[in-house]
Amino acid sequence: MRLHLYGRMIIYENKRLVLRKWTEADAESLYEYAKDSEVGPIAGWPPHKSVEESLDVIRNVFNGPECYAICEKREWESNRCH
C-alpha cells in the first residue's frame, strides 16, 4: 500500500483500490448507494431519502479522521470516482 499526500488530503492506494477522504462532491454517489433499502438497514441506518441527506451524512458523520471513501483505481484515474 502506498501513501500519497495531495494538498491536505491523504490518499492510500494499492494495486486495485484508492482510499481517500469523503468530499461533498461524493453526495450523489453516496445517495445512489445509500437509498437502497437493502443496504442501510444492514449497516444500522435507514435508506437515504435525498442527495441532501447524503450530503449531511458526509458533512457530519463521514468527516472523521479515519473514514474513507473507497474507489476502484481505474475510476480514480479517470476522475469518475465520485
Protein backbone atom coordinates (compact mmCIF):
# COMPACT_ATOMS: atom_id res chain seq x y z
CA MET A 1 0.00 0.00 0.00
CA ARG A 2 1.28 3.44 -0.91
CA LEU A 3 0.53 6.69 0.85
CA HIS A 4 0.24 9.95 -1.10
CA LEU A 5 -0.33 13.47 0.09
CA TYR A 6 -2.39 15.64 -2.26
CA GLY A 7 -2.64 19.08 -0.71
CA ARG A 8 -4.13 18.29 2.67
CA MET A 9 -5.81 15.06 1.51
CA ILE A 10 -4.13 11.78 2.41
CA ILE A 11 -4.65 9.03 -0.11
CA TYR A 12 -3.93 5.34 0.38
CA GLU A 13 -3.74 3.14 -2.65
CA ASN A 14 -2.92 -0.39 -3.60
CA LYS A 15 -2.96 -2.19 -6.92
CA ARG A 16 -6.76 -2.11 -7.25
CA LEU A 17 -8.24 0.41 -4.79
CA VAL A 18 -7.87 4.01 -3.62
CA LEU A 19 -8.96 5.13 -0.14
CA ARG A 20 -9.46 8.86 0.33
CA LYS A 21 -11.40 11.32 2.42
CA TRP A 22 -15.05 11.89 1.54
CA THR A 23 -15.85 15.17 -0.19
CA GLU A 24 -19.12 16.98 -0.74
CA ALA A 25 -18.84 16.03 -4.41
CA ASP A 26 -19.48 12.41 -3.32
CA ALA A 27 -23.05 13.15 -2.16
CA GLU A 28 -24.78 11.97 -5.33
CA SER A 29 -22.72 8.77 -5.48
CA LEU A 30 -23.38 8.05 -1.81
CA TYR A 31 -27.09 8.63 -2.31
CA GLU A 32 -27.23 6.18 -5.23
CA TYR A 33 -25.81 3.51 -2.93
CA ALA A 34 -27.44 4.53 0.36
CA LYS A 35 -31.00 4.84 -0.99
CA ASP A 36 -31.14 1.07 -1.49
CA SER A 37 -33.47 -0.41 1.13
CA GLU A 38 -31.26 -3.49 1.38
CA VAL A 39 -28.07 -1.54 2.17
CA GLY A 40 -28.79 0.89 5.01
CA PRO A 41 -30.69 -1.32 7.45
CA ILE A 42 -27.91 -3.91 7.46
CA ALA A 43 -25.47 -1.14 8.44
CA GLY A 44 -27.84 0.21 11.10
CA TRP A 45 -29.28 3.26 9.32
CA PRO A 46 -32.40 3.87 7.22
CA PRO A 47 -32.16 4.32 3.45
CA HIS A 48 -31.30 7.88 2.43
CA LYS A 49 -34.22 9.86 1.05
CA SER A 50 -32.30 12.54 -0.87
CA VAL A 51 -28.92 13.73 -2.08
CA GLU A 52 -29.15 16.43 0.59
CA GLU A 53 -29.43 13.77 3.30
CA SER A 54 -26.33 12.04 1.90
CA LEU A 55 -24.51 15.38 1.88
CA ASP A 56 -25.44 15.86 5.54
CA VAL A 57 -24.02 12.42 6.35
CA ILE A 58 -20.76 13.29 4.56
CA ARG A 59 -20.50 16.57 6.48
CA ASN A 60 -21.46 15.26 9.91
CA VAL A 61 -20.70 11.54 10.04
CA PHE A 62 -18.11 10.68 7.39
CA ASN A 63 -15.85 13.62 8.25
CA GLY A 64 -13.91 11.73 10.94
CA PRO A 65 -10.16 11.25 10.70
CA GLU A 66 -10.35 7.55 9.78
CA CYS A 67 -13.38 7.48 7.50
CA TYR A 68 -12.55 6.88 3.85
CA ALA A 69 -14.33 6.66 0.52
CA ILE A 70 -13.22 3.55 -1.37
CA CYS A 71 -12.78 3.82 -5.12
CA GLU A 72 -11.68 1.39 -7.75
CA LYS A 73 -8.35 2.65 -9.04
CA ARG A 74 -9.47 2.80 -12.68
CA GLU A 75 -12.32 5.13 -11.67
CA TRP A 76 -9.96 7.30 -9.62
CA GLU A 77 -7.53 7.63 -12.52
CA SER A 78 -10.32 8.61 -14.92
CA ASN A 79 -11.78 11.12 -12.40
CA ARG A 80 -15.02 9.14 -12.18
CA CYS A 81 -14.63 8.18 -8.54
CA HIS A 82 -17.48 10.34 -7.31
